[in-house]
Amino acid sequence: MKDITRILQKNSQLIIEEWERQVFELVKASTSANRIALRDHIPNILDDIIDIMERHDQID
């Protein structure tokens, strides 16, 4: 999983941008949402996912 976490870290900005694009494309309620509000927590969520993967590296 170390390789995956490195890829996620290296590409975090692209992942966030793609997430945002898909939210606006697929979630109807997002059209009335503030773009900043949508982006506010996603970096923290991505960091949490990376952290969990690193802590549980030995789990298959």
PDB file of N, CA and C in Angstrom:
ATOM      1  N   MET A   1       0.796  -1.193   0.000  1.00  0.00           N
ATOM      2  CA  MET A   1       0.000   0.000   0.000  1.00  0.00           C
ATOM      3  C   MET A   1       0.847   1.269   0.000  1.00  0.00           C
ATOM      4  N   LYS A   2       2.113   1.137   0.293  1.00  0.00           N
ATOM      5  CA  LYS A   2       2.991   2.317   0.287  1.00  0.00           C
ATOM      6  C   LYS A   2       2.990   2.984  -1.082  1.00  0.00           C
ATOM      7  N   ASP A   3       2.989   2.180  -2.144  1.00  0.00           N
ATOM      8  CA  ASP A   3       2.963   2.755  -3.487  1.00  0.00           C
ATOM      9  C   ASP A   3       1.677   3.540  -3.724  1.00  0.00           C
ATOM     10  N   ILE A   4       0.577   2.996  -3.250  1.00  0.00           N
ATOM     11  CA  ILE A   4      -0.707   3.665  -3.432  1.00  0.00           C
ATOM     12  C   ILE A   4      -0.732   4.985  -2.677  1.00  0.00           C
ATOM     13  N   THR A   5      -0.246   4.977  -1.448  1.00  0.00           N
ATOM     14  CA  THR A   5      -0.261   6.220  -0.675  1.00  0.00           C
ATOM     15  C   THR A   5       0.642   7.276  -1.304  1.00  0.00           C
ATOM     16  N   ARG A   6       1.759   6.855  -1.862  1.00  0.00           N
ATOM     17  CA  ARG A   6       2.639   7.813  -2.544  1.00  0.00           C
ATOM     18  C   ARG A   6       1.951   8.399  -3.771  1.00  0.00           C
ATOM     19  N   ILE A   7       1.246   7.567  -4.508  1.00  0.00           N
ATOM     20  CA  ILE A   7       0.515   8.039  -5.689  1.00  0.00           C
ATOM     21  C   ILE A   7      -0.572   9.029  -5.282  1.00  0.00           C
ATOM     22  N   LEU A   8      -1.297   8.703  -4.222  1.00  0.00           N
ATOM     23  CA  LEU A   8      -2.342   9.604  -3.744  1.00  0.00           C
ATOM     24  C   LEU A   8      -1.754  10.944  -3.307  1.00  0.00           C
ATOM     25  N   GLN A   9      -0.648  10.900  -2.574  1.00  0.00           N
ATOM     26  CA  GLN A   9      -0.010  12.132  -2.118  1.00  0.00           C
ATOM     27  C   GLN A   9       0.484  12.967  -3.297  1.00  0.00           C
ATOM     28  N   LYS A  10       1.127  12.308  -4.238  1.00  0.00           N
ATOM     29  CA  LYS A  10       1.697  13.011  -5.388  1.00  0.00           C
ATOM     30  C   LYS A  10       0.617  13.653  -6.259  1.00  0.00           C
ATOM     31  N   ASN A  11      -0.537  13.002  -6.334  1.00  0.00           N
ATOM     32  CA  ASN A  11      -1.594  13.455  -7.232  1.00  0.00           C
ATOM     33  C   ASN A  11      -2.789  14.056  -6.501  1.00  0.00           C
ATOM     34  N   SER A  12      -2.593  14.473  -5.266  1.00  0.00           N
ATOM     35  CA  SER A  12      -3.731  14.938  -4.466  1.00  0.00           C
ATOM     36  C   SER A  12      -4.477  16.099  -5.133  1.00  0.00           C
ATOM     37  N   GLN A  13      -3.770  17.042  -5.708  1.00  0.00           N
ATOM     38  CA  GLN A  13      -4.441  18.180  -6.340  1.00  0.00           C
ATOM     39  C   GLN A  13      -5.285  17.724  -7.531  1.00  0.00           C
ATOM     40  N   LEU A  14      -4.757  16.825  -8.338  1.00  0.00           N
ATOM     41  CA  LEU A  14      -5.529  16.302  -9.474  1.00  0.00           C
ATOM     42  C   LEU A  14      -6.742  15.516  -8.998  1.00  0.00           C
ATOM     43  N   ILE A  15      -6.589  14.761  -7.932  1.00  0.00           N
ATOM     44  CA  ILE A  15      -7.699  13.976  -7.371  1.00  0.00           C
ATOM     45  C   ILE A  15      -8.796  14.918  -6.890  1.00  0.00           C
ATOM     46  N   ILE A  16      -8.400  15.975  -6.194  1.00  0.00           N
ATOM     47  CA  ILE A  16      -9.371  16.945  -5.686  1.00  0.00           C
ATOM     48  C   ILE A  16     -10.093  17.636  -6.835  1.00  0.00           C
ATOM     49  N   GLU A  17      -9.375  18.021  -7.863  1.00  0.00           N
ATOM     50  CA  GLU A  17      -9.990  18.669  -9.022  1.00  0.00           C
ATOM     51  C   GLU A  17     -10.968  17.737  -9.733  1.00  0.00           C
ATOM     52  N   GLU A  18     -10.602  16.472  -9.872  1.00  0.00           N
ATOM     53  CA  GLU A  18     -11.491  15.503 -10.524  1.00  0.00           C
ATOM     54  C   GLU A  18     -12.720  15.242  -9.661  1.00  0.00           C
ATOM     55  N   TRP A  19     -12.519  15.143  -8.352  1.00  0.00           N
ATOM     56  CA  TRP A  19     -13.647  14.966  -7.437  1.00  0.00           C
ATOM     57  C   TRP A  19     -14.634  16.128  -7.593  1.00  0.00           C
ATOM     58  N   GLU A  20     -14.096  17.342  -7.598  1.00  0.00           N
ATOM     59  CA  GLU A  20     -14.936  18.532  -7.730  1.00  0.00           C
ATOM     60  C   GLU A  20     -15.692  18.518  -9.060  1.00  0.00           C
ATOM     61  N   ARG A  21     -15.012  18.163 -10.129  1.00  0.00           N
ATOM     62  CA  ARG A  21     -15.663  18.119 -11.448  1.00  0.00           C
ATOM     63  C   ARG A  21     -16.816  17.121 -11.442  1.00  0.00           C
ATOM     64  N   GLN A  22     -16.564  15.951 -10.871  1.00  0.00           N
ATOM     65  CA  GLN A  22     -17.611  14.926 -10.845  1.00  0.00           C
ATOM     66  C   GLN A  22     -18.777  15.310  -9.943  1.00  0.00           C
ATOM     67  N   VAL A  23     -18.490  15.955  -8.832  1.00  0.00           N
ATOM     68  CA  VAL A  23     -19.572  16.412  -7.953  1.00  0.00           C
ATOM     69  C   VAL A  23     -20.483  17.364  -8.717  1.00  0.00           C
ATOM     70  N   PHE A  24     -19.907  18.349  -9.391  1.00  0.00           N
ATOM     71  CA  PHE A  24     -20.726  19.313 -10.129  1.00  0.00           C
ATOM     72  C   PHE A  24     -21.454  18.665 -11.300  1.00  0.00           C
ATOM     73  N   GLU A  25     -20.889  17.622 -11.850  1.00  0.00           N
ATOM     74  CA  GLU A  25     -21.522  16.935 -12.974  1.00  0.00           C
ATOM     75  C   GLU A  25     -22.629  15.983 -12.522  1.00  0.00           C
ATOM     76  N   LEU A  26     -22.413  15.283 -11.407  1.00  0.00           N
ATOM     77  CA  LEU A  26     -23.308  14.193 -11.026  1.00  0.00           C
ATOM     78  C   LEU A  26     -24.276  14.497  -9.881  1.00  0.00           C
ATOM     79  N   VAL A  27     -23.974  15.490  -9.064  1.00  0.00           N
ATOM     80  CA  VAL A  27     -24.812  15.791  -7.902  1.00  0.00           C
ATOM     81  C   VAL A  27     -25.593  17.076  -8.180  1.00  0.00           C
ATOM     82  N   LYS A  28     -26.884  16.932  -8.394  1.00  0.00           N
ATOM     83  CA  LYS A  28     -27.712  18.081  -8.775  1.00  0.00           C
ATOM     84  C   LYS A  28     -27.665  19.205  -7.748  1.00  0.00           C
ATOM     85  N   ALA A  29     -27.652  18.874  -6.475  1.00  0.00           N
ATOM     86  CA  ALA A  29     -27.655  19.900  -5.427  1.00  0.00           C
ATOM     87  C   ALA A  29     -26.385  20.737  -5.442  1.00  0.00           C
ATOM     88  N   SER A  30     -25.324  20.238  -6.050  1.00  0.00           N
ATOM     89  CA  SER A  30     -24.060  20.975  -6.050  1.00  0.00           C
ATOM     90  C   SER A  30     -24.121  22.257  -6.875  1.00  0.00           C
ATOM     91  N   THR A  31     -25.060  22.345  -7.789  1.00  0.00           N
ATOM     92  CA  THR A  31     -25.143  23.548  -8.617  1.00  0.00           C
ATOM     93  C   THR A  31     -25.497  24.787  -7.798  1.00  0.00           C
ATOM     94  N   SER A  32     -26.150  24.591  -6.670  1.00  0.00           N
ATOM     95  CA  SER A  32     -26.491  25.735  -5.819  1.00  0.00           C
ATOM     96  C   SER A  32     -25.496  25.896  -4.665  1.00  0.00           C
ATOM     97  N   ALA A  33     -24.493  25.053  -4.615  1.00  0.00           N
ATOM     98  CA  ALA A  33     -23.499  25.115  -3.542  1.00  0.00           C
ATOM     99  C   ALA A  33     -22.333  26.018  -3.932  1.00  0.00           C
ATOM    100  N   ASN A  34     -21.701  26.547  -2.936  1.00  0.00           N
ATOM    101  CA  ASN A  34     -20.520  27.371  -3.124  1.00  0.00           C
ATOM    102  C   ASN A  34     -19.330  26.460  -3.417  1.00  0.00           C
ATOM    103  N   ARG A  35     -18.584  26.769  -4.437  1.00  0.00           N
ATOM    104  CA  ARG A  35     -17.428  25.961  -4.842  1.00  0.00           C
ATOM    105  C   ARG A  35     -16.401  25.842  -3.705  1.00  0.00           C
ATOM    106  N   ILE A  36     -16.200  26.911  -2.972  1.00  0.00           N
ATOM    107  CA  ILE A  36     -15.252  26.893  -1.855  1.00  0.00           C
ATOM    108  C   ILE A  36     -15.749  25.949  -0.763  1.00  0.00           C
ATOM    109  N   ALA A  37     -17.041  25.975  -0.497  1.00  0.00           N
ATOM    110  CA  ALA A  37     -17.602  25.094   0.529  1.00  0.00           C
ATOM    111  C   ALA A  37     -17.421  23.631   0.146  1.00  0.00           C
ATOM    112  N   LEU A  38     -17.581  23.322  -1.134  1.00  0.00           N
ATOM    113  CA  LEU A  38     -17.415  21.937  -1.581  1.00  0.00           C
ATOM    114  C   LEU A  38     -15.967  21.473  -1.432  1.00  0.00           C
ATOM    115  N   ARG A  39     -15.021  22.387  -1.644  1.00  0.00           N
ATOM    116  CA  ARG A  39     -13.602  22.032  -1.587  1.00  0.00           C
ATOM    117  C   ARG A  39     -13.024  22.087  -0.183  1.00  0.00           C
ATOM    118  N   ASP A  40     -13.772  22.623   0.759  1.00  0.00           N
ATOM    119  CA  ASP A  40     -13.244  22.908   2.083  1.00  0.00           C
ATOM    120  C   ASP A  40     -12.702  21.668   2.801  1.00  0.00           C
ATOM    121  N   HIS A  41     -13.419  20.568   2.757  1.00  0.00           N
ATOM    122  CA  HIS A  41     -13.038  19.400   3.554  1.00  0.00           C
ATOM    123  C   HIS A  41     -12.350  18.289   2.772  1.00  0.00           C
ATOM    124  N   ILE A  42     -12.428  18.319   1.479  1.00  0.00           N
ATOM    125  CA  ILE A  42     -11.893  17.195   0.698  1.00  0.00           C
ATOM    126  C   ILE A  42     -10.390  16.978   0.890  1.00  0.00           C
ATOM    127  N   PRO A  43      -9.554  17.998   1.027  1.00  0.00           N
ATOM    128  CA  PRO A  43      -8.133  17.719   1.283  1.00  0.00           C
ATOM    129  C   PRO A  43      -7.922  16.965   2.600  1.00  0.00           C
ATOM    130  N   ASN A  44      -8.707  17.317   3.617  1.00  0.00           N
ATOM    131  CA  ASN A  44      -8.600  16.622   4.898  1.00  0.00           C
ATOM    132  C   ASN A  44      -9.057  15.175   4.788  1.00  0.00           C
ATOM    133  N   ILE A  45     -10.112  14.944   4.030  1.00  0.00           N
ATOM    134  CA  ILE A  45     -10.605  13.579   3.846  1.00  0.00           C
ATOM    135  C   ILE A  45      -9.565  12.745   3.108  1.00  0.00           C
ATOM    136  N   LEU A  46      -8.977  13.301   2.072  1.00  0.00           N
ATOM    137  CA  LEU A  46      -7.945  12.589   1.324  1.00  0.00           C
ATOM    138  C   LEU A  46      -6.737  12.297   2.217  1.00  0.00           C
ATOM    139  N   ASP A  47      -6.328  13.271   3.025  1.00  0.00           N
ATOM    140  CA  ASP A  47      -5.227  13.048   3.969  1.00  0.00           C
ATOM    141  C   ASP A  47      -5.562  11.951   4.971  1.00  0.00           C
ATOM    142  N   ASP A  48      -6.816  11.920   5.431  1.00  0.00           N
ATOM    143  CA  ASP A  48      -7.242  10.875   6.372  1.00  0.00           C
ATOM    144  C   ASP A  48      -7.191   9.496   5.719  1.00  0.00           C
ATOM    145  N   ILE A  49      -7.614   9.404   4.476  1.00  0.00           N
ATOM    146  CA  ILE A  49      -7.562   8.126   3.750  1.00  0.00           C
ATOM    147  C   ILE A  49      -6.115   7.651   3.630  1.00  0.00           C
ATOM    148  N   ILE A  50      -5.226   8.560   3.255  1.00  0.00           N
ATOM    149  CA  ILE A  50      -3.808   8.227   3.128  1.00  0.00           C
ATOM    150  C   ILE A  50      -3.247   7.771   4.469  1.00  0.00           C
ATOM    151  N   ASP A  51      -3.584   8.492   5.533  1.00  0.00           N
ATOM    152  CA  ASP A  51      -3.111   8.144   6.874  1.00  0.00           C
ATOM    153  C   ASP A  51      -3.585   6.758   7.292  1.00  0.00           C
ATOM    154  N   ILE A  52      -4.851   6.470   7.069  1.00  0.00           N
ATOM    155  CA  ILE A  52      -5.400   5.150   7.417  1.00  0.00           C
ATOM    156  C   ILE A  52      -4.685   4.057   6.634  1.00  0.00           C
ATOM    157  N   MET A  53      -4.463   4.283   5.356  1.00  0.00           N
ATOM    158  CA  MET A  53      -3.785   3.285   4.528  1.00  0.00           C
ATOM    159  C   MET A  53      -2.358   3.060   5.010  1.00  0.00           C
ATOM    160  N   GLU A  54      -1.679   4.132   5.419  1.00  0.00           N
ATOM    161  CA  GLU A  54      -0.312   3.990   5.909  1.00  0.00           C
ATOM    162  C   GLU A  54      -0.270   3.239   7.241  1.00  0.00           C
ATOM    163  N   ARG A  55      -1.224   3.509   8.129  1.00  0.00           N
ATOM    164  CA  ARG A  55      -1.249   2.849   9.435  1.00  0.00           C
ATOM    165  C   ARG A  55      -1.620   1.370   9.323  1.00  0.00           C
ATOM    166  N   HIS A  56      -2.354   1.027   8.304  1.00  0.00           N
ATOM    167  CA  HIS A  56      -2.792  -0.356   8.124  1.00  0.00           C
ATOM    168  C   HIS A  56      -2.121  -1.004   6.919  1.00  0.00           C
ATOM    169  N   ASP A  57      -0.867  -0.670   6.739  1.00  0.00           N
ATOM    170  CA  ASP A  57      -0.126  -1.137   5.581  1.00  0.00           C
ATOM    171  C   ASP A  57      -0.024  -2.661   5.511  1.00  0.00           C
ATOM    172  N   GLN A  58      -0.041  -3.324   6.632  1.00  0.00           N
ATOM    173  CA  GLN A  58       0.133  -4.772   6.646  1.00  0.00           C
ATOM    174  C   GLN A  58      -1.162  -5.552   6.419  1.00  0.00           C
ATOM    175  N   ILE A  59      -2.283  -4.834   6.340  1.00  0.00           N
ATOM    176  CA  ILE A  59      -3.570  -5.495   6.132  1.00  0.00           C
ATOM    177  C   ILE A  59      -3.762  -5.759   4.641  1.00  0.00           C
ATOM    178  N   ASP A  60      -4.161  -6.973   4.293  1.00  0.00           N
ATOM    179  CA  ASP A  60      -4.382  -7.320   2.885  1.00  0.00           C
ATOM    180  C   ASP A  60      -5.692  -6.790   2.373  1.00  0.00           C
TER     181      ASP A  60
END
